[in-house]
Amino acid sequence: MNVTVLHGFSQQIATIEQAIEYLHNYSDPQPSPTPVQKYEIDIRYNNGDTIHAIFQQKAEAIRFLRTFA
């Protein structure tokens, strides 16, 4: 799974729970003083299926991930 906070760096994360924790703890003004533009989440399954989601708000991204936990 990839989680990208657009103004930051893409983060490879192994589980939904770790992705939720990463987003929950992500300090929005880091690594730059500009505000977060969006949160992108790519979930890739072993069978080749992929879900690509884009959220404007951190809370919505976390809510989405919790539907899989």
N, C-alpha and C. Protein backbone atom coordinates (compact mmCIF):
# COMPACT_ATOMS: atom_id res chain seq x y z
N MET A 1 0.85 -1.16 0.00
CA MET A 1 0.00 0.00 0.00
C MET A 1 0.90 1.23 0.00
N ASN A 2 0.53 2.23 -0.76
CA ASN A 2 1.22 3.52 -0.76
C ASN A 2 0.30 4.57 -0.17
N VAL A 3 0.86 5.41 0.68
CA VAL A 3 0.14 6.57 1.19
C VAL A 3 0.99 7.78 0.87
N THR A 4 0.42 8.74 0.15
CA THR A 4 1.15 9.94 -0.22
C THR A 4 0.39 11.15 0.29
N VAL A 5 1.08 11.96 1.08
CA VAL A 5 0.53 13.24 1.49
C VAL A 5 1.16 14.25 0.55
N LEU A 6 0.35 14.86 -0.30
CA LEU A 6 0.92 15.71 -1.34
C LEU A 6 1.38 17.05 -0.77
N HIS A 7 2.58 17.10 -0.57
CA HIS A 7 3.56 18.08 -0.18
C HIS A 7 4.65 17.35 0.56
N GLY A 8 4.41 16.05 0.76
CA GLY A 8 5.37 15.21 1.48
C GLY A 8 5.91 14.12 0.58
N PHE A 9 6.28 13.01 1.19
CA PHE A 9 6.88 11.90 0.48
C PHE A 9 5.95 10.70 0.51
N SER A 10 6.01 9.88 -0.52
CA SER A 10 5.23 8.65 -0.56
C SER A 10 5.76 7.69 0.50
N GLN A 11 4.86 7.00 1.16
CA GLN A 11 5.23 6.09 2.24
C GLN A 11 4.70 4.69 1.93
N GLN A 12 5.58 3.70 1.85
CA GLN A 12 5.16 2.31 1.67
C GLN A 12 4.71 1.79 3.03
N ILE A 13 3.50 1.24 3.10
CA ILE A 13 2.95 0.76 4.36
C ILE A 13 2.34 -0.61 4.12
N ALA A 14 2.59 -1.54 5.06
CA ALA A 14 2.20 -2.93 4.86
C ALA A 14 0.75 -3.24 5.22
N THR A 15 0.19 -2.54 6.21
CA THR A 15 -1.15 -2.89 6.67
C THR A 15 -2.05 -1.66 6.75
N ILE A 16 -3.36 -1.91 6.75
CA ILE A 16 -4.33 -0.83 6.90
C ILE A 16 -4.13 -0.14 8.25
N GLU A 17 -3.93 -0.91 9.30
CA GLU A 17 -3.75 -0.35 10.64
C GLU A 17 -2.55 0.59 10.69
N GLN A 18 -1.45 0.20 10.04
CA GLN A 18 -0.26 1.06 10.00
C GLN A 18 -0.52 2.32 9.19
N ALA A 19 -1.32 2.21 8.13
CA ALA A 19 -1.65 3.39 7.32
C ALA A 19 -2.48 4.38 8.12
N ILE A 20 -3.46 3.86 8.88
CA ILE A 20 -4.28 4.73 9.73
C ILE A 20 -3.40 5.43 10.75
N GLU A 21 -2.50 4.67 11.38
CA GLU A 21 -1.61 5.26 12.38
C GLU A 21 -0.70 6.32 11.76
N TYR A 22 -0.17 6.04 10.57
CA TYR A 22 0.69 6.99 9.87
C TYR A 22 -0.05 8.30 9.61
N LEU A 23 -1.27 8.21 9.07
CA LEU A 23 -2.03 9.43 8.78
C LEU A 23 -2.43 10.15 10.06
N HIS A 24 -2.82 9.40 11.05
CA HIS A 24 -3.24 10.02 12.32
C HIS A 24 -2.09 10.83 12.92
N ASN A 25 -0.88 10.29 12.85
CA ASN A 25 0.29 10.94 13.46
C ASN A 25 1.00 11.92 12.54
N TYR A 26 0.58 12.00 11.28
CA TYR A 26 1.26 12.88 10.33
C TYR A 26 0.99 14.33 10.69
N SER A 27 2.04 15.08 10.89
CA SER A 27 1.92 16.50 11.21
C SER A 27 1.74 17.26 9.90
N ASP A 28 0.55 17.81 9.69
CA ASP A 28 0.21 18.44 8.41
C ASP A 28 1.21 19.47 7.91
N PRO A 29 1.82 20.29 8.73
CA PRO A 29 2.76 21.26 8.16
C PRO A 29 4.12 20.68 7.79
N GLN A 30 4.34 19.39 7.97
CA GLN A 30 5.63 18.79 7.67
C GLN A 30 5.56 18.09 6.33
N PRO A 31 6.57 17.98 5.52
CA PRO A 31 7.91 18.49 5.69
C PRO A 31 8.09 19.91 5.18
N SER A 32 7.03 20.58 4.80
CA SER A 32 7.14 21.96 4.34
C SER A 32 6.07 22.80 5.02
N PRO A 33 6.25 24.10 5.04
CA PRO A 33 5.27 24.96 5.70
C PRO A 33 3.98 25.15 4.89
N THR A 34 3.94 24.65 3.67
CA THR A 34 2.72 24.79 2.87
C THR A 34 1.67 23.79 3.31
N PRO A 35 0.40 24.12 3.19
CA PRO A 35 -0.64 23.18 3.64
C PRO A 35 -0.71 21.94 2.75
N VAL A 36 -1.23 20.87 3.32
CA VAL A 36 -1.42 19.64 2.57
C VAL A 36 -2.43 19.90 1.46
N GLN A 37 -2.13 19.44 0.27
CA GLN A 37 -3.03 19.60 -0.87
C GLN A 37 -4.05 18.47 -0.94
N LYS A 38 -3.58 17.24 -0.69
CA LYS A 38 -4.48 16.09 -0.71
C LYS A 38 -3.73 14.87 -0.20
N TYR A 39 -4.50 13.83 0.07
CA TYR A 39 -3.99 12.55 0.54
C TYR A 39 -4.34 11.50 -0.51
N GLU A 40 -3.33 10.80 -1.00
CA GLU A 40 -3.56 9.74 -1.99
C GLU A 40 -3.25 8.39 -1.37
N ILE A 41 -4.14 7.43 -1.61
CA ILE A 41 -3.98 6.09 -1.07
C ILE A 41 -4.13 5.11 -2.22
N ASP A 42 -3.15 4.22 -2.37
CA ASP A 42 -3.21 3.13 -3.35
C ASP A 42 -3.15 1.81 -2.60
N ILE A 43 -4.18 1.01 -2.75
CA ILE A 43 -4.21 -0.32 -2.14
C ILE A 43 -4.12 -1.33 -3.27
N ARG A 44 -3.11 -2.21 -3.19
CA ARG A 44 -2.90 -3.22 -4.22
C ARG A 44 -3.06 -4.59 -3.59
N TYR A 45 -3.89 -5.41 -4.20
CA TYR A 45 -4.14 -6.76 -3.72
C TYR A 45 -3.30 -7.77 -4.48
N ASN A 46 -3.08 -8.93 -3.88
CA ASN A 46 -2.28 -9.98 -4.51
C ASN A 46 -2.86 -10.46 -5.83
N ASN A 47 -4.17 -10.33 -6.03
CA ASN A 47 -4.80 -10.80 -7.27
C ASN A 47 -4.72 -9.77 -8.39
N GLY A 48 -4.05 -8.63 -8.14
CA GLY A 48 -3.89 -7.62 -9.17
C GLY A 48 -4.88 -6.48 -9.09
N ASP A 49 -5.91 -6.60 -8.26
CA ASP A 49 -6.87 -5.51 -8.09
C ASP A 49 -6.19 -4.32 -7.40
N THR A 50 -6.64 -3.13 -7.75
CA THR A 50 -6.09 -1.91 -7.17
C THR A 50 -7.22 -0.93 -6.85
N ILE A 51 -7.09 -0.27 -5.72
CA ILE A 51 -7.99 0.83 -5.36
C ILE A 51 -7.14 2.09 -5.24
N HIS A 52 -7.51 3.13 -5.95
CA HIS A 52 -6.82 4.42 -5.88
C HIS A 52 -7.82 5.44 -5.36
N ALA A 53 -7.49 6.07 -4.25
CA ALA A 53 -8.40 7.04 -3.63
C ALA A 53 -7.65 8.33 -3.34
N ILE A 54 -8.35 9.45 -3.52
CA ILE A 54 -7.78 10.78 -3.25
C ILE A 54 -8.74 11.52 -2.33
N PHE A 55 -8.19 12.09 -1.26
CA PHE A 55 -8.99 12.82 -0.29
C PHE A 55 -8.38 14.19 -0.02
N GLN A 56 -9.24 15.16 0.20
CA GLN A 56 -8.79 16.50 0.53
C GLN A 56 -8.53 16.64 2.03
N GLN A 57 -9.22 15.84 2.83
CA GLN A 57 -9.12 15.94 4.29
C GLN A 57 -8.54 14.65 4.88
N LYS A 58 -7.65 14.81 5.87
CA LYS A 58 -7.04 13.67 6.55
C LYS A 58 -8.11 12.77 7.17
N ALA A 59 -9.12 13.36 7.81
CA ALA A 59 -10.15 12.58 8.48
C ALA A 59 -10.89 11.67 7.50
N GLU A 60 -11.13 12.15 6.29
CA GLU A 60 -11.81 11.33 5.28
C GLU A 60 -10.93 10.17 4.83
N ALA A 61 -9.63 10.41 4.69
CA ALA A 61 -8.71 9.33 4.31
C ALA A 61 -8.68 8.26 5.39
N ILE A 62 -8.64 8.67 6.65
CA ILE A 62 -8.65 7.71 7.75
C ILE A 62 -9.97 6.95 7.79
N ARG A 63 -11.08 7.65 7.61
CA ARG A 63 -12.39 7.00 7.59
C ARG A 63 -12.45 5.94 6.49
N PHE A 64 -11.94 6.24 5.31
CA PHE A 64 -11.89 5.30 4.20
C PHE A 64 -11.08 4.06 4.59
N LEU A 65 -9.89 4.26 5.15
CA LEU A 65 -9.03 3.14 5.52
C LEU A 65 -9.69 2.26 6.58
N ARG A 66 -10.42 2.88 7.48
CA ARG A 66 -11.08 2.10 8.54
C ARG A 66 -12.15 1.16 8.00
N THR A 67 -12.65 1.42 6.80
CA THR A 67 -13.63 0.50 6.22
C THR A 67 -13.00 -0.84 5.85
N PHE A 68 -11.67 -0.90 5.78
CA PHE A 68 -10.95 -2.11 5.44
C PHE A 68 -10.37 -2.80 6.67
N ALA A 69 -10.33 -2.12 7.79
CA ALA A 69 -9.68 -2.66 9.00
C ALA A 69 -10.55 -3.67 9.70
